[in-house]
Amino acid sequence: MPIPLSNPPREQNVQLRMGSNNAVKIFVNGKLIFFREEYHHGMVMDQYIAPCQLKAGKNEILLKVCQNEQDQPWAQKWSFQVRLCDELGGAVAFKVVPAQDKTPR
């Protein structure tokens, strides 16, 4: 499920900096902005940097962490870290907005 977030009421260039030992895809507002199909490698802080633009108001970020079909115990490690930054790696203020439940009742 995409994570809705709210940023200042203006467009803003940002970077999504992340690391993962798995394959990853990042979508911002439904648009694929980054992918890396590489499995079973190390993870370090800011391993990948994906520049993007947030629109004024609400935005949605979806991070997809993928694994291949290997079933050995060593291949089952899933992990990731992600942060929203300016071009120098500084923090960008944002607020996570709870997703609305769209389940029919």
PDB file of N, CA and C in Angstrom:
ATOM      1  N   MET A   1       0.842  -1.168   0.000  1.00  0.00           N
ATOM      2  CA  MET A   1       0.000   0.000   0.000  1.00  0.00           C
ATOM      3  C   MET A   1       0.891   1.235   0.000  1.00  0.00           C
ATOM      4  N   PRO A   2       0.636   2.197  -0.892  1.00  0.00           N
ATOM      5  CA  PRO A   2       1.433   3.428  -0.900  1.00  0.00           C
ATOM      6  C   PRO A   2       1.290   4.178   0.421  1.00  0.00           C
ATOM      7  N   ILE A   3       2.350   4.845   0.830  1.00  0.00           N
ATOM      8  CA  ILE A   3       2.325   5.646   2.051  1.00  0.00           C
ATOM      9  C   ILE A   3       2.023   7.080   1.655  1.00  0.00           C
ATOM     10  N   PRO A   4       0.837   7.592   2.054  1.00  0.00           N
ATOM     11  CA  PRO A   4       0.541   8.987   1.739  1.00  0.00           C
ATOM     12  C   PRO A   4       1.350   9.908   2.653  1.00  0.00           C
ATOM     13  N   LEU A   5       1.879  10.971   2.101  1.00  0.00           N
ATOM     14  CA  LEU A   5       2.557  11.945   2.930  1.00  0.00           C
ATOM     15  C   LEU A   5       2.223  13.335   2.444  1.00  0.00           C
ATOM     16  N   SER A   6       2.372  14.281   3.356  1.00  0.00           N
ATOM     17  CA  SER A   6       2.074  15.666   3.046  1.00  0.00           C
ATOM     18  C   SER A   6       3.344  16.474   3.241  1.00  0.00           C
ATOM     19  N   ASN A   7       3.656  17.320   2.294  1.00  0.00           N
ATOM     20  CA  ASN A   7       4.834  18.171   2.398  1.00  0.00           C
ATOM     21  C   ASN A   7       4.388  19.631   2.306  1.00  0.00           C
ATOM     22  N   PRO A   8       5.310  20.585   2.397  1.00  0.00           N
ATOM     23  CA  PRO A   8       4.912  21.994   2.319  1.00  0.00           C
ATOM     24  C   PRO A   8       4.097  22.279   1.056  1.00  0.00           C
ATOM     25  N   PRO A   9       3.293  23.330   1.069  1.00  0.00           N
ATOM     26  CA  PRO A   9       2.381  23.606  -0.047  1.00  0.00           C
ATOM     27  C   PRO A   9       3.080  24.188  -1.274  1.00  0.00           C
ATOM     28  N   ARG A  10       4.116  23.518  -1.745  1.00  0.00           N
ATOM     29  CA  ARG A  10       4.824  23.907  -2.962  1.00  0.00           C
ATOM     30  C   ARG A  10       5.500  22.677  -3.540  1.00  0.00           C
ATOM     31  N   GLU A  11       5.777  22.723  -4.838  1.00  0.00           N
ATOM     32  CA  GLU A  11       6.552  21.644  -5.435  1.00  0.00           C
ATOM     33  C   GLU A  11       7.955  21.666  -4.854  1.00  0.00           C
ATOM     34  N   GLN A  12       8.550  20.479  -4.749  1.00  0.00           N
ATOM     35  CA  GLN A  12       9.865  20.409  -4.127  1.00  0.00           C
ATOM     36  C   GLN A  12      10.670  19.268  -4.744  1.00  0.00           C
ATOM     37  N   ASN A  13      11.902  19.564  -5.166  1.00  0.00           N
ATOM     38  CA  ASN A  13      12.809  18.514  -5.626  1.00  0.00           C
ATOM     39  C   ASN A  13      13.420  17.845  -4.410  1.00  0.00           C
ATOM     40  N   VAL A  14      13.384  16.520  -4.381  1.00  0.00           N
ATOM     41  CA  VAL A  14      13.907  15.746  -3.262  1.00  0.00           C
ATOM     42  C   VAL A  14      14.665  14.539  -3.808  1.00  0.00           C
ATOM     43  N   GLN A  15      15.284  13.828  -2.897  1.00  0.00           N
ATOM     44  CA  GLN A  15      15.909  12.551  -3.212  1.00  0.00           C
ATOM     45  C   GLN A  15      15.371  11.516  -2.245  1.00  0.00           C
ATOM     46  N   LEU A  16      15.038  10.341  -2.765  1.00  0.00           N
ATOM     47  CA  LEU A  16      14.757   9.190  -1.924  1.00  0.00           C
ATOM     48  C   LEU A  16      16.046   8.396  -1.882  1.00  0.00           C
ATOM     49  N   ARG A  17      16.657   8.337  -0.717  1.00  0.00           N
ATOM     50  CA  ARG A  17      17.915   7.609  -0.543  1.00  0.00           C
ATOM     51  C   ARG A  17      17.602   6.325   0.195  1.00  0.00           C
ATOM     52  N   MET A  18      18.056   5.211  -0.357  1.00  0.00           N
ATOM     53  CA  MET A  18      17.702   3.932   0.256  1.00  0.00           C
ATOM     54  C   MET A  18      18.811   2.922   0.079  1.00  0.00           C
ATOM     55  N   GLY A  19      18.680   1.854   0.837  1.00  0.00           N
ATOM     56  CA  GLY A  19      19.552   0.699   0.707  1.00  0.00           C
ATOM     57  C   GLY A  19      18.723  -0.549   0.899  1.00  0.00           C
ATOM     58  N   SER A  20      19.119  -1.623   0.235  1.00  0.00           N
ATOM     59  CA  SER A  20      18.427  -2.905   0.376  1.00  0.00           C
ATOM     60  C   SER A  20      19.344  -4.008  -0.119  1.00  0.00           C
ATOM     61  N   ASN A  21      19.218  -5.178   0.484  1.00  0.00           N
ATOM     62  CA  ASN A  21      19.964  -6.330  -0.025  1.00  0.00           C
ATOM     63  C   ASN A  21      19.106  -7.123  -1.009  1.00  0.00           C
ATOM     64  N   ASN A  22      17.993  -6.550  -1.416  1.00  0.00           N
ATOM     65  CA  ASN A  22      17.063  -7.173  -2.351  1.00  0.00           C
ATOM     66  C   ASN A  22      16.848  -6.249  -3.547  1.00  0.00           C
ATOM     67  N   ALA A  23      16.095  -6.732  -4.518  1.00  0.00           N
ATOM     68  CA  ALA A  23      15.685  -5.886  -5.637  1.00  0.00           C
ATOM     69  C   ALA A  23      14.652  -4.873  -5.133  1.00  0.00           C
ATOM     70  N   VAL A  24      14.619  -3.693  -5.742  1.00  0.00           N
ATOM     71  CA  VAL A  24      13.700  -2.649  -5.286  1.00  0.00           C
ATOM     72  C   VAL A  24      13.082  -1.910  -6.462  1.00  0.00           C
ATOM     73  N   LYS A  25      11.887  -1.382  -6.208  1.00  0.00           N
ATOM     74  CA  LYS A  25      11.223  -0.446  -7.112  1.00  0.00           C
ATOM     75  C   LYS A  25      10.647   0.659  -6.238  1.00  0.00           C
ATOM     76  N   ILE A  26      10.752   1.901  -6.729  1.00  0.00           N
ATOM     77  CA  ILE A  26      10.183   3.034  -6.002  1.00  0.00           C
ATOM     78  C   ILE A  26       9.237   3.771  -6.939  1.00  0.00           C
ATOM     79  N   PHE A  27       8.020   3.994  -6.463  1.00  0.00           N
ATOM     80  CA  PHE A  27       7.013   4.748  -7.198  1.00  0.00           C
ATOM     81  C   PHE A  27       6.667   5.995  -6.392  1.00  0.00           C
ATOM     82  N   VAL A  28       6.570   7.134  -7.050  1.00  0.00           N
ATOM     83  CA  VAL A  28       6.101   8.370  -6.416  1.00  0.00           C
ATOM     84  C   VAL A  28       4.900   8.845  -7.218  1.00  0.00           C
ATOM     85  N   ASN A  29       3.770   8.940  -6.532  1.00  0.00           N
ATOM     86  CA  ASN A  29       2.508   9.346  -7.160  1.00  0.00           C
ATOM     87  C   ASN A  29       2.196   8.482  -8.385  1.00  0.00           C
ATOM     88  N   GLY A  30       2.432   7.184  -8.249  1.00  0.00           N
ATOM     89  CA  GLY A  30       2.093   6.226  -9.293  1.00  0.00           C
ATOM     90  C   GLY A  30       3.114   6.105 -10.406  1.00  0.00           C
ATOM     91  N   LYS A  31       4.189   6.888 -10.377  1.00  0.00           N
ATOM     92  CA  LYS A  31       5.191   6.863 -11.437  1.00  0.00           C
ATOM     93  C   LYS A  31       6.457   6.160 -10.927  1.00  0.00           C
ATOM     94  N   LEU A  32       6.929   5.168 -11.693  1.00  0.00           N
ATOM     95  CA  LEU A  32       8.167   4.474 -11.347  1.00  0.00           C
ATOM     96  C   LEU A  32       9.330   5.446 -11.500  1.00  0.00           C
ATOM     97  N   ILE A  33      10.065   5.680 -10.403  1.00  0.00           N
ATOM     98  CA  ILE A  33      11.194   6.609 -10.473  1.00  0.00           C
ATOM     99  C   ILE A  33      12.539   5.906 -10.336  1.00  0.00           C
ATOM    100  N   PHE A  34      12.533   4.651  -9.871  1.00  0.00           N
ATOM    101  CA  PHE A  34      13.788   3.934  -9.678  1.00  0.00           C
ATOM    102  C   PHE A  34      13.511   2.444  -9.591  1.00  0.00           C
ATOM    103  N   PHE A  35      14.413   1.630 -10.162  1.00  0.00           N
ATOM    104  CA  PHE A  35      14.370   0.195  -9.916  1.00  0.00           C
ATOM    105  C   PHE A  35      15.767  -0.382 -10.027  1.00  0.00           C
ATOM    106  N   ARG A  36      15.978  -1.453  -9.318  1.00  0.00           N
ATOM    107  CA  ARG A  36      17.254  -2.175  -9.347  1.00  0.00           C
ATOM    108  C   ARG A  36      16.928  -3.645  -9.137  1.00  0.00           C
ATOM    109  N   GLU A  37      17.155  -4.453 -10.159  1.00  0.00           N
ATOM    110  CA  GLU A  37      16.872  -5.882 -10.060  1.00  0.00           C
ATOM    111  C   GLU A  37      18.183  -6.622  -9.809  1.00  0.00           C
ATOM    112  N   GLU A  38      18.567  -6.615  -8.542  1.00  0.00           N
ATOM    113  CA  GLU A  38      19.809  -7.240  -8.106  1.00  0.00           C
ATOM    114  C   GLU A  38      19.531  -7.887  -6.754  1.00  0.00           C
ATOM    115  N   TYR A  39      19.874  -9.152  -6.624  1.00  0.00           N
ATOM    116  CA  TYR A  39      19.510  -9.909  -5.418  1.00  0.00           C
ATOM    117  C   TYR A  39      20.750 -10.351  -4.643  1.00  0.00           C
ATOM    118  N   HIS A  40      20.558 -10.545  -3.339  1.00  0.00           N
ATOM    119  CA  HIS A  40      21.549 -11.181  -2.458  1.00  0.00           C
ATOM    120  C   HIS A  40      22.896 -10.466  -2.453  1.00  0.00           C
ATOM    121  N   HIS A  41      22.872  -9.226  -2.131  1.00  0.00           N
ATOM    122  CA  HIS A  41      24.087  -8.436  -1.997  1.00  0.00           C
ATOM    123  C   HIS A  41      23.995  -7.660  -0.696  1.00  0.00           C
ATOM    124  N   GLY A  42      25.024  -6.977  -0.324  1.00  0.00           N
ATOM    125  CA  GLY A  42      25.019  -6.227   0.921  1.00  0.00           C
ATOM    126  C   GLY A  42      24.141  -4.986   0.855  1.00  0.00           C
ATOM    127  N   MET A  43      23.925  -4.398   2.019  1.00  0.00           N
ATOM    128  CA  MET A  43      23.134  -3.183   2.108  1.00  0.00           C
ATOM    129  C   MET A  43      23.942  -2.135   2.869  1.00  0.00           C
ATOM    130  N   VAL A  44      23.979  -0.922   2.350  1.00  0.00           N
ATOM    131  CA  VAL A  44      24.622   0.190   3.037  1.00  0.00           C
ATOM    132  C   VAL A  44      23.705   1.407   2.969  1.00  0.00           C
ATOM    133  N   MET A  45      23.923   2.324   3.866  1.00  0.00           N
ATOM    134  CA  MET A  45      23.154   3.570   3.904  1.00  0.00           C
ATOM    135  C   MET A  45      23.339   4.337   2.595  1.00  0.00           C
ATOM    136  N   ASP A  46      22.257   4.842   2.050  1.00  0.00           N
ATOM    137  CA  ASP A  46      22.274   5.634   0.814  1.00  0.00           C
ATOM    138  C   ASP A  46      22.922   4.889  -0.360  1.00  0.00           C
ATOM    139  N   GLN A  47      22.704   3.600  -0.417  1.00  0.00           N
ATOM    140  CA  GLN A  47      23.228   2.752  -1.487  1.00  0.00           C
ATOM    141  C   GLN A  47      22.712   3.218  -2.855  1.00  0.00           C
ATOM    142  N   TYR A  48      21.460   3.633  -2.890  1.00  0.00           N
ATOM    143  CA  TYR A  48      20.839   4.124  -4.117  1.00  0.00           C
ATOM    144  C   TYR A  48      20.235   5.495  -3.840  1.00  0.00           C
ATOM    145  N   ILE A  49      20.285   6.370  -4.838  1.00  0.00           N
ATOM    146  CA  ILE A  49      19.695   7.703  -4.720  1.00  0.00           C
ATOM    147  C   ILE A  49      18.773   7.917  -5.911  1.00  0.00           C
ATOM    148  N   ALA A  50      17.505   8.213  -5.624  1.00  0.00           N
ATOM    149  CA  ALA A  50      16.508   8.421  -6.677  1.00  0.00           C
ATOM    150  C   ALA A  50      15.962   9.845  -6.570  1.00  0.00           C
ATOM    151  N   PRO A  51      16.341  10.728  -7.490  1.00  0.00           N
ATOM    152  CA  PRO A  51      15.792  12.079  -7.463  1.00  0.00           C
ATOM    153  C   PRO A  51      14.344  12.071  -7.951  1.00  0.00           C
ATOM    154  N   CYS A  52      13.537  12.920  -7.364  1.00  0.00           N
ATOM    155  CA  CYS A  52      12.147  13.046  -7.808  1.00  0.00           C
ATOM    156  C   CYS A  52      11.604  14.400  -7.382  1.00  0.00           C
ATOM    157  N   GLN A  53      10.414  14.693  -7.842  1.00  0.00           N
ATOM    158  CA  GLN A  53       9.755  15.948  -7.472  1.00  0.00           C
ATOM    159  C   GLN A  53       8.457  15.620  -6.768  1.00  0.00           C
ATOM    160  N   LEU A  54       8.279  16.203  -5.588  1.00  0.00           N
ATOM    161  CA  LEU A  54       7.014  16.083  -4.882  1.00  0.00           C
ATOM    162  C   LEU A  54       6.139  17.242  -5.297  1.00  0.00           C
ATOM    163  N   LYS A  55       4.876  16.966  -5.503  1.00  0.00           N
ATOM    164  CA  LYS A  55       3.945  18.036  -5.847  1.00  0.00           C
ATOM    165  C   LYS A  55       3.489  18.732  -4.566  1.00  0.00           C
ATOM    166  N   ALA A  56       2.867  19.866  -4.698  1.00  0.00           N
ATOM    167  CA  ALA A  56       2.329  20.573  -3.541  1.00  0.00           C
ATOM    168  C   ALA A  56       1.222  19.735  -2.916  1.00  0.00           C
ATOM    169  N   GLY A  57       1.178  19.654  -1.608  1.00  0.00           N
ATOM    170  CA  GLY A  57       0.130  18.896  -0.913  1.00  0.00           C
ATOM    171  C   GLY A  57       0.486  17.439  -0.740  1.00  0.00           C
ATOM    172  N   LYS A  58      -0.517  16.560  -0.928  1.00  0.00           N
ATOM    173  CA  LYS A  58      -0.316  15.131  -0.676  1.00  0.00           C
ATOM    174  C   LYS A  58       0.409  14.437  -1.821  1.00  0.00           C
ATOM    175  N   ASN A  59       1.263  13.490  -1.448  1.00  0.00           N
ATOM    176  CA  ASN A  59       2.012  12.652  -2.375  1.00  0.00           C
ATOM    177  C   ASN A  59       1.957  11.223  -1.853  1.00  0.00           C
ATOM    178  N   GLU A  60       2.149  10.255  -2.743  1.00  0.00           N
ATOM    179  CA  GLU A  60       2.203   8.852  -2.328  1.00  0.00           C
ATOM    180  C   GLU A  60       3.529   8.248  -2.758  1.00  0.00           C
ATOM    181  N   ILE A  61       4.154   7.555  -1.817  1.00  0.00           N
ATOM    182  CA  ILE A  61       5.388   6.847  -2.101  1.00  0.00           C
ATOM    183  C   ILE A  61       5.148   5.363  -1.859  1.00  0.00           C
ATOM    184  N   LEU A  62       5.502   4.555  -2.855  1.00  0.00           N
ATOM    185  CA  LEU A  62       5.388   3.104  -2.746  1.00  0.00           C
ATOM    186  C   LEU A  62       6.767   2.516  -2.976  1.00  0.00           C
ATOM    187  N   LEU A  63       7.244   1.773  -1.996  1.00  0.00           N
ATOM    188  CA  LEU A  63       8.529   1.106  -2.083  1.00  0.00           C
ATOM    189  C   LEU A  63       8.266  -0.389  -2.152  1.00  0.00           C
ATOM    190  N   LYS A  64       8.710  -1.024  -3.225  1.00  0.00           N
ATOM    191  CA  LYS A  64       8.502  -2.462  -3.414  1.00  0.00           C
ATOM    192  C   LYS A  64       9.853  -3.151  -3.285  1.00  0.00           C
ATOM    193  N   VAL A  65       9.963  -4.030  -2.285  1.00  0.00           N
ATOM    194  CA  VAL A  65      11.173  -4.807  -2.071  1.00  0.00           C
ATOM    195  C   VAL A  65      10.884  -6.211  -2.588  1.00  0.00           C
ATOM    196  N   CYS A  66      11.717  -6.704  -3.509  1.00  0.00           N
ATOM    197  CA  CYS A  66      11.434  -7.959  -4.216  1.00  0.00           C
ATOM    198  C   CYS A  66      12.499  -9.005  -3.926  1.00  0.00           C
ATOM    199  N   GLN A  67      12.089 -10.253  -3.980  1.00  0.00           N
ATOM    200  CA  GLN A  67      12.999 -11.382  -3.813  1.00  0.00           C
ATOM    201  C   GLN A  67      12.785 -12.342  -4.968  1.00  0.00           C
ATOM    202  N   ASN A  68      13.802 -13.090  -5.327  1.00  0.00           N
ATOM    203  CA  ASN A  68      13.631 -14.071  -6.398  1.00  0.00           C
ATOM    204  C   ASN A  68      13.145 -15.408  -5.826  1.00  0.00           C
ATOM    205  N   GLU A  69      13.179 -16.452  -6.633  1.00  0.00           N
ATOM    206  CA  GLU A  69      12.584 -17.733  -6.245  1.00  0.00           C
ATOM    207  C   GLU A  69      13.494 -18.619  -5.403  1.00  0.00           C
ATOM    208  N   GLN A  70      14.700 -18.194  -5.097  1.00  0.00           N
ATOM    209  CA  GLN A  70      15.588 -19.042  -4.304  1.00  0.00           C
ATOM    210  C   GLN A  70      14.982 -19.302  -2.932  1.00  0.00           C
ATOM    211  N   ASP A  71      15.073 -20.555  -2.475  1.00  0.00           N
ATOM    212  CA  ASP A  71      14.445 -20.889  -1.196  1.00  0.00           C
ATOM    213  C   ASP A  71      15.444 -21.310  -0.127  1.00  0.00           C
ATOM    214  N   GLN A  72      16.729 -21.141  -0.376  1.00  0.00           N
ATOM    215  CA  GLN A  72      17.725 -21.444   0.640  1.00  0.00           C
ATOM    216  C   GLN A  72      17.581 -20.454   1.803  1.00  0.00           C
ATOM    217  N   PRO A  73      17.892 -20.889   3.014  1.00  0.00           N
ATOM    218  CA  PRO A  73      17.755 -19.991   4.176  1.00  0.00           C
ATOM    219  C   PRO A  73      18.511 -18.668   4.018  1.00  0.00           C
ATOM    220  N   TRP A  74      19.714 -18.689   3.437  1.00  0.00           N
ATOM    221  CA  TRP A  74      20.489 -17.454   3.293  1.00  0.00           C
ATOM    222  C   TRP A  74      19.838 -16.479   2.318  1.00  0.00           C
ATOM    223  N   ALA A  75      18.964 -16.992   1.456  1.00  0.00           N
ATOM    224  CA  ALA A  75      18.311 -16.144   0.454  1.00  0.00           C
ATOM    225  C   ALA A  75      17.005 -15.536   0.956  1.00  0.00           C
ATOM    226  N   GLN A  76      16.664 -15.761   2.207  1.00  0.00           N
ATOM    227  CA  GLN A  76      15.383 -15.281   2.739  1.00  0.00           C
ATOM    228  C   GLN A  76      15.506 -13.981   3.532  1.00  0.00           C
ATOM    229  N   LYS A  77      16.661 -13.370   3.511  1.00  0.00           N
ATOM    230  CA  LYS A  77      16.868 -12.122   4.251  1.00  0.00           C
ATOM    231  C   LYS A  77      16.278 -10.956   3.456  1.00  0.00           C
ATOM    232  N   TRP A  78      15.319 -10.259   4.063  1.00  0.00           N
ATOM    233  CA  TRP A  78      14.677  -9.098   3.450  1.00  0.00           C
ATOM    234  C   TRP A  78      14.986  -7.894   4.338  1.00  0.00           C
ATOM    235  N   SER A  79      15.465  -6.829   3.754  1.00  0.00           N
ATOM    236  CA  SER A  79      15.666  -5.618   4.547  1.00  0.00           C
ATOM    237  C   SER A  79      15.762  -4.406   3.623  1.00  0.00           C
ATOM    238  N   PHE A  80      15.446  -3.247   4.181  1.00  0.00           N
ATOM    239  CA  PHE A  80      15.593  -1.997   3.448  1.00  0.00           C
ATOM    240  C   PHE A  80      15.625  -0.850   4.438  1.00  0.00           C
ATOM    241  N   GLN A  81      16.152   0.267   3.987  1.00  0.00           N
ATOM    242  CA  GLN A  81      16.075   1.532   4.722  1.00  0.00           C
ATOM    243  C   GLN A  81      15.868   2.606   3.676  1.00  0.00           C
ATOM    244  N   VAL A  82      15.111   3.629   4.038  1.00  0.00           N
ATOM    245  CA  VAL A  82      14.831   4.706   3.096  1.00  0.00           C
ATOM    246  C   VAL A  82      14.695   6.015   3.863  1.00  0.00           C
ATOM    247  N   ARG A  83      15.128   7.102   3.225  1.00  0.00           N
ATOM    248  CA  ARG A  83      14.951   8.426   3.824  1.00  0.00           C
ATOM    249  C   ARG A  83      14.704   9.453   2.735  1.00  0.00           C
ATOM    250  N   LEU A  84      13.976  10.491   3.089  1.00  0.00           N
ATOM    251  CA  LEU A  84      13.606  11.566   2.183  1.00  0.00           C
ATOM    252  C   LEU A  84      14.548  12.738   2.456  1.00  0.00           C
ATOM    253  N   CYS A  85      15.306  13.171   1.438  1.00  0.00           N
ATOM    254  CA  CYS A  85      16.371  14.153   1.630  1.00  0.00           C
ATOM    255  C   CYS A  85      16.331  15.261   0.590  1.00  0.00           C
ATOM    256  N   ASP A  86      17.079  16.330   0.883  1.00  0.00           N
ATOM    257  CA  ASP A  86      17.374  17.321  -0.148  1.00  0.00           C
ATOM    258  C   ASP A  86      18.622  16.842  -0.896  1.00  0.00           C
ATOM    259  N   GLU A  87      19.113  17.625  -1.860  1.00  0.00           N
ATOM    260  CA  GLU A  87      20.231  17.158  -2.681  1.00  0.00           C
ATOM    261  C   GLU A  87      21.549  17.046  -1.921  1.00  0.00           C
ATOM    262  N   LEU A  88      21.614  17.594  -0.711  1.00  0.00           N
ATOM    263  CA  LEU A  88      22.821  17.477   0.108  1.00  0.00           C
ATOM    264  C   LEU A  88      22.711  16.358   1.146  1.00  0.00           C
ATOM    265  N   GLY A  89      21.571  15.673   1.169  1.00  0.00           N
ATOM    266  CA  GLY A  89      21.372  14.596   2.149  1.00  0.00           C
ATOM    267  C   GLY A  89      20.724  15.055   3.435  1.00  0.00           C
ATOM    268  N   GLY A  90      20.320  16.332   3.487  1.00  0.00           N
ATOM    269  CA  GLY A  90      19.636  16.851   4.674  1.00  0.00           C
ATOM    270  C   GLY A  90      18.184  16.413   4.715  1.00  0.00           C
ATOM    271  N   ALA A  91      17.622  16.393   5.901  1.00  0.00           N
ATOM    272  CA  ALA A  91      16.235  15.967   6.091  1.00  0.00           C
ATOM    273  C   ALA A  91      15.254  16.893   5.394  1.00  0.00           C
ATOM    274  N   VAL A  92      14.192  16.311   4.861  1.00  0.00           N
ATOM    275  CA  VAL A  92      13.081  17.058   4.276  1.00  0.00           C
ATOM    276  C   VAL A  92      11.871  16.805   5.171  1.00  0.00           C
ATOM    277  N   ALA A  93      11.270  17.871   5.645  1.00  0.00           N
ATOM    278  CA  ALA A  93      10.114  17.725   6.531  1.00  0.00           C
ATOM    279  C   ALA A  93       8.916  17.170   5.776  1.00  0.00           C
ATOM    280  N   PHE A  94       8.246  16.197   6.376  1.00  0.00           N
ATOM    281  CA  PHE A  94       7.011  15.655   5.818  1.00  0.00           C
ATOM    282  C   PHE A  94       6.187  15.063   6.948  1.00  0.00           C
ATOM    283  N   LYS A  95       4.944  14.818   6.656  1.00  0.00           N
ATOM    284  CA  LYS A  95       4.025  14.240   7.636  1.00  0.00           C
ATOM    285  C   LYS A  95       3.346  13.048   6.983  1.00  0.00           C
ATOM    286  N   VAL A  96       3.384  11.889   7.658  1.00  0.00           N
ATOM    287  CA  VAL A  96       2.692  10.713   7.140  1.00  0.00           C
ATOM    288  C   VAL A  96       1.196  10.900   7.407  1.00  0.00           C
ATOM    289  N   VAL A  97       0.410  10.730   6.363  1.00  0.00           N
ATOM    290  CA  VAL A  97      -1.042  10.891   6.467  1.00  0.00           C
ATOM    291  C   VAL A  97      -1.661   9.488   6.473  1.00  0.00           C
ATOM    292  N   PRO A  98      -2.444   9.145   7.497  1.00  0.00           N
ATOM    293  CA  PRO A  98      -3.034   7.796   7.530  1.00  0.00           C
ATOM    294  C   PRO A  98      -3.845   7.511   6.257  1.00  0.00           C
ATOM    295  N   ALA A  99      -3.644   6.310   5.715  1.00  0.00           N
ATOM    296  CA  ALA A  99      -4.387   5.909   4.533  1.00  0.00           C
ATOM    297  C   ALA A  99      -5.844   5.702   4.891  1.00  0.00           C
ATOM    298  N   GLN A 100      -6.722   6.050   3.972  1.00  0.00           N
ATOM    299  CA  GLN A 100      -8.146   5.845   4.204  1.00  0.00           C
ATOM    300  C   GLN A 100      -8.509   4.430   3.822  1.00  0.00           C
ATOM    301  N   ASP A 101      -9.302   3.779   4.677  1.00  0.00           N
ATOM    302  CA  ASP A 101      -9.742   2.414   4.423  1.00  0.00           C
ATOM    303  C   ASP A 101     -10.813   2.456   3.346  1.00  0.00           C
ATOM    304  N   LYS A 102     -10.546   1.793   2.204  1.00  0.00           N
ATOM    305  CA  LYS A 102     -11.483   1.781   1.091  1.00  0.00           C
ATOM    306  C   LYS A 102     -12.188   0.428   0.976  1.00  0.00           C
ATOM    307  N   THR A 103     -12.167  -0.331   2.061  1.00  0.00           N
ATOM    308  CA  THR A 103     -12.823  -1.641   2.063  1.00  0.00           C
ATOM    309  C   THR A 103     -14.330  -1.463   2.042  1.00  0.00           C
ATOM    310  N   PRO A 104     -15.048  -2.118   1.100  1.00  0.00           N
ATOM    311  CA  PRO A 104     -16.511  -1.996   1.095  1.00  0.00           C
ATOM    312  C   PRO A 104     -17.103  -2.630   2.359  1.00  0.00           C
ATOM    313  N   ARG A 105     -18.113  -2.016   2.868  1.00  0.00           N
ATOM    314  CA  ARG A 105     -18.760  -2.534   4.090  1.00  0.00           C
ATOM    315  C   ARG A 105     -20.190  -2.870   3.819  1.00  0.00           C
TER     316      ARG A 105
END
